[in-house]
């Protein structure tokens, strides 16, 4: 399938819809989203594992060693990004829409 992060880029997401025939496409980035209740990287990993269908399947598709390495990296990156929990975790989202053309 496509790269996991392909649709996190507004231009790439809009172009993907155009490529399959959608019209009036648009992407909006919600850059003010912040996760204030995530306390550490381990908790973030658990949220992504249990809270979303796509990330859950990606994470479950890893070997035990790969999953452990991902969890370890998430703990490290969380600490860097949030200054060890002193800042909220920014989690922007991209919402992309388009219309299916009416067939005549």
C-alpha atoms as a PDB file:
ATOM      1  CA  UNK A   1       0.000   0.000   0.000  1.00  0.00           C
ATOM      2  CA  UNK A   2       0.945   3.652   0.038  1.00  0.00           C
ATOM      3  CA  UNK A   3       3.479   5.104   2.411  1.00  0.00           C
ATOM      4  CA  UNK A   4       1.852   5.617   5.799  1.00  0.00           C
ATOM      5  CA  UNK A   5       2.567   9.346   5.806  1.00  0.00           C
ATOM      6  CA  UNK A   6       1.587  10.123   2.188  1.00  0.00           C
ATOM      7  CA  UNK A   7      -1.772  11.552   3.182  1.00  0.00           C
ATOM      8  CA  UNK A   8      -0.326  13.736   5.937  1.00  0.00           C
ATOM      9  CA  UNK A   9       0.837  16.148   3.238  1.00  0.00           C
ATOM     10  CA  UNK A  10      -2.076  18.336   2.056  1.00  0.00           C
ATOM     11  CA  UNK A  11      -0.788  18.587  -1.531  1.00  0.00           C
ATOM     12  CA  UNK A  12      -0.136  14.877  -1.830  1.00  0.00           C
ATOM     13  CA  UNK A  13      -3.548  14.006  -0.390  1.00  0.00           C
ATOM     14  CA  UNK A  14      -5.332  16.399  -2.749  1.00  0.00           C
ATOM     15  CA  UNK A  15      -3.368  15.112  -5.745  1.00  0.00           C
ATOM     16  CA  UNK A  16      -4.207  11.503  -4.833  1.00  0.00           C
ATOM     17  CA  UNK A  17      -7.924  12.303  -4.972  1.00  0.00           C
ATOM     18  CA  UNK A  18      -7.511  14.131  -8.291  1.00  0.00           C
ATOM     19  CA  UNK A  19      -5.606  11.156  -9.746  1.00  0.00           C
ATOM     20  CA  UNK A  20      -8.578   8.866  -9.127  1.00  0.00           C
ATOM     21  CA  UNK A  21     -11.065  11.293 -10.644  1.00  0.00           C
ATOM     22  CA  UNK A  22     -12.367  13.399  -7.763  1.00  0.00           C
ATOM     23  CA  UNK A  23     -13.128  17.069  -8.410  1.00  0.00           C
ATOM     24  CA  UNK A  24     -13.366  20.125  -6.161  1.00  0.00           C
ATOM     25  CA  UNK A  25     -10.624  18.678  -3.964  1.00  0.00           C
ATOM     26  CA  UNK A  26      -9.357  20.536  -0.939  1.00  0.00           C
ATOM     27  CA  UNK A  27      -7.090  19.888   2.031  1.00  0.00           C
ATOM     28  CA  UNK A  28      -7.085  21.721   5.336  1.00  0.00           C
ATOM     29  CA  UNK A  29      -4.394  21.303   7.980  1.00  0.00           C
ATOM     30  CA  UNK A  30      -5.523  21.531  11.577  1.00  0.00           C
ATOM     31  CA  UNK A  31      -2.232  22.640  13.046  1.00  0.00           C
ATOM     32  CA  UNK A  32      -3.539  23.684  16.448  1.00  0.00           C
ATOM     33  CA  UNK A  33      -4.390  20.153  17.578  1.00  0.00           C
ATOM     34  CA  UNK A  34      -2.545  19.225  20.736  1.00  0.00           C
ATOM     35  CA  UNK A  35      -2.643  16.054  22.782  1.00  0.00           C
ATOM     36  CA  UNK A  36      -2.610  17.263  26.355  1.00  0.00           C
ATOM     37  CA  UNK A  37      -3.353  13.979  28.105  1.00  0.00           C
ATOM     38  CA  UNK A  38      -0.428  11.928  26.734  1.00  0.00           C
ATOM     39  CA  UNK A  39       2.169  11.719  29.484  1.00  0.00           C
ATOM     40  CA  UNK A  40       5.013   9.826  27.794  1.00  0.00           C
ATOM     41  CA  UNK A  41       6.120   8.000  24.670  1.00  0.00           C
ATOM     42  CA  UNK A  42       4.930   4.619  25.940  1.00  0.00           C
ATOM     43  CA  UNK A  43       1.451   6.009  26.412  1.00  0.00           C
ATOM     44  CA  UNK A  44       1.559   7.522  22.911  1.00  0.00           C
ATOM     45  CA  UNK A  45       2.486   4.118  21.473  1.00  0.00           C
ATOM     46  CA  UNK A  46      -0.449   2.525  23.328  1.00  0.00           C
ATOM     47  CA  UNK A  47      -2.850   5.206  22.091  1.00  0.00           C
ATOM     48  CA  UNK A  48      -1.757   4.653  18.499  1.00  0.00           C
ATOM     49  CA  UNK A  49      -1.970   0.884  18.957  1.00  0.00           C
ATOM     50  CA  UNK A  50      -5.443   0.921  20.523  1.00  0.00           C
ATOM     51  CA  UNK A  51      -6.989   4.134  19.254  1.00  0.00           C
ATOM     52  CA  UNK A  52      -6.816   4.116  15.475  1.00  0.00           C
ATOM     53  CA  UNK A  53      -7.484   1.405  12.931  1.00  0.00           C
ATOM     54  CA  UNK A  54      -4.686   2.263  10.513  1.00  0.00           C
ATOM     55  CA  UNK A  55      -1.870   2.702  13.015  1.00  0.00           C
ATOM     56  CA  UNK A  56      -3.053  -0.364  14.902  1.00  0.00           C
ATOM     57  CA  UNK A  57      -2.704  -2.547  11.811  1.00  0.00           C
ATOM     58  CA  UNK A  58       0.680  -1.066  10.922  1.00  0.00           C
ATOM     59  CA  UNK A  59       1.988  -1.693  14.443  1.00  0.00           C
ATOM     60  CA  UNK A  60       0.500  -5.183  14.686  1.00  0.00           C
ATOM     61  CA  UNK A  61       2.149  -6.069  11.378  1.00  0.00           C
ATOM     62  CA  UNK A  62       5.627  -5.682  12.888  1.00  0.00           C
ATOM     63  CA  UNK A  63       7.767  -8.410  14.406  1.00  0.00           C
ATOM     64  CA  UNK A  64       8.248  -8.265  18.180  1.00  0.00           C
ATOM     65  CA  UNK A  65      11.698  -6.797  17.670  1.00  0.00           C
ATOM     66  CA  UNK A  66      10.438  -4.151  15.247  1.00  0.00           C
ATOM     67  CA  UNK A  67       7.547  -3.227  17.553  1.00  0.00           C
ATOM     68  CA  UNK A  68       9.956  -2.878  20.485  1.00  0.00           C
ATOM     69  CA  UNK A  69      12.245  -0.661  18.392  1.00  0.00           C
ATOM     70  CA  UNK A  70       9.295   1.523  17.338  1.00  0.00           C
ATOM     71  CA  UNK A  71       8.112   1.854  20.949  1.00  0.00           C
ATOM     72  CA  UNK A  72      11.640   2.752  22.056  1.00  0.00           C
ATOM     73  CA  UNK A  73      11.984   5.365  19.341  1.00  0.00           C
ATOM     74  CA  UNK A  74       8.582   6.845  20.247  1.00  0.00           C
ATOM     75  CA  UNK A  75       9.680   7.204  23.877  1.00  0.00           C
ATOM     76  CA  UNK A  76      12.872   8.967  22.790  1.00  0.00           C
ATOM     77  CA  UNK A  77      11.179  11.238  20.259  1.00  0.00           C
ATOM     78  CA  UNK A  78       8.367  12.107  22.674  1.00  0.00           C
ATOM     79  CA  UNK A  79      10.904  13.353  25.194  1.00  0.00           C
ATOM     80  CA  UNK A  80      12.690  15.453  22.560  1.00  0.00           C
ATOM     81  CA  UNK A  81       9.524  16.888  21.003  1.00  0.00           C
ATOM     82  CA  UNK A  82       7.832  17.711  24.327  1.00  0.00           C
ATOM     83  CA  UNK A  83      10.951  18.635  26.306  1.00  0.00           C
ATOM     84  CA  UNK A  84      10.371  15.593  28.532  1.00  0.00           C
ATOM     85  CA  UNK A  85       6.672  16.351  28.907  1.00  0.00           C
ATOM     86  CA  UNK A  86       6.977  20.082  29.620  1.00  0.00           C
ATOM     87  CA  UNK A  87       5.153  20.966  26.367  1.00  0.00           C
ATOM     88  CA  UNK A  88       1.986  19.505  24.845  1.00  0.00           C
ATOM     89  CA  UNK A  89       2.391  17.069  22.003  1.00  0.00           C
ATOM     90  CA  UNK A  90       1.338  18.844  18.817  1.00  0.00           C
ATOM     91  CA  UNK A  91      -0.509  16.456  16.535  1.00  0.00           C
ATOM     92  CA  UNK A  92      -1.637  18.255  13.384  1.00  0.00           C
ATOM     93  CA  UNK A  93      -4.207  16.593  11.179  1.00  0.00           C
ATOM     94  CA  UNK A  94      -4.994  16.933   7.504  1.00  0.00           C
ATOM     95  CA  UNK A  95      -8.597  16.750   6.343  1.00  0.00           C
ATOM     96  CA  UNK A  96      -8.936  16.180   2.614  1.00  0.00           C
ATOM     97  CA  UNK A  97     -12.166  16.120   0.664  1.00  0.00           C
ATOM     98  CA  UNK A  98     -13.391  15.898  -2.887  1.00  0.00           C
ATOM     99  CA  UNK A  99     -16.503  15.197  -4.895  1.00  0.00           C
ATOM    100  CA  UNK A 100     -17.120  12.242  -7.114  1.00  0.00           C
ATOM    101  CA  UNK A 101     -18.196  13.562 -10.505  1.00  0.00           C
ATOM    102  CA  UNK A 102     -21.779  12.912 -11.509  1.00  0.00           C
ATOM    103  CA  UNK A 103     -21.958  10.397 -14.322  1.00  0.00           C
ATOM    104  CA  UNK A 104     -24.207  11.315 -17.196  1.00  0.00           C
END
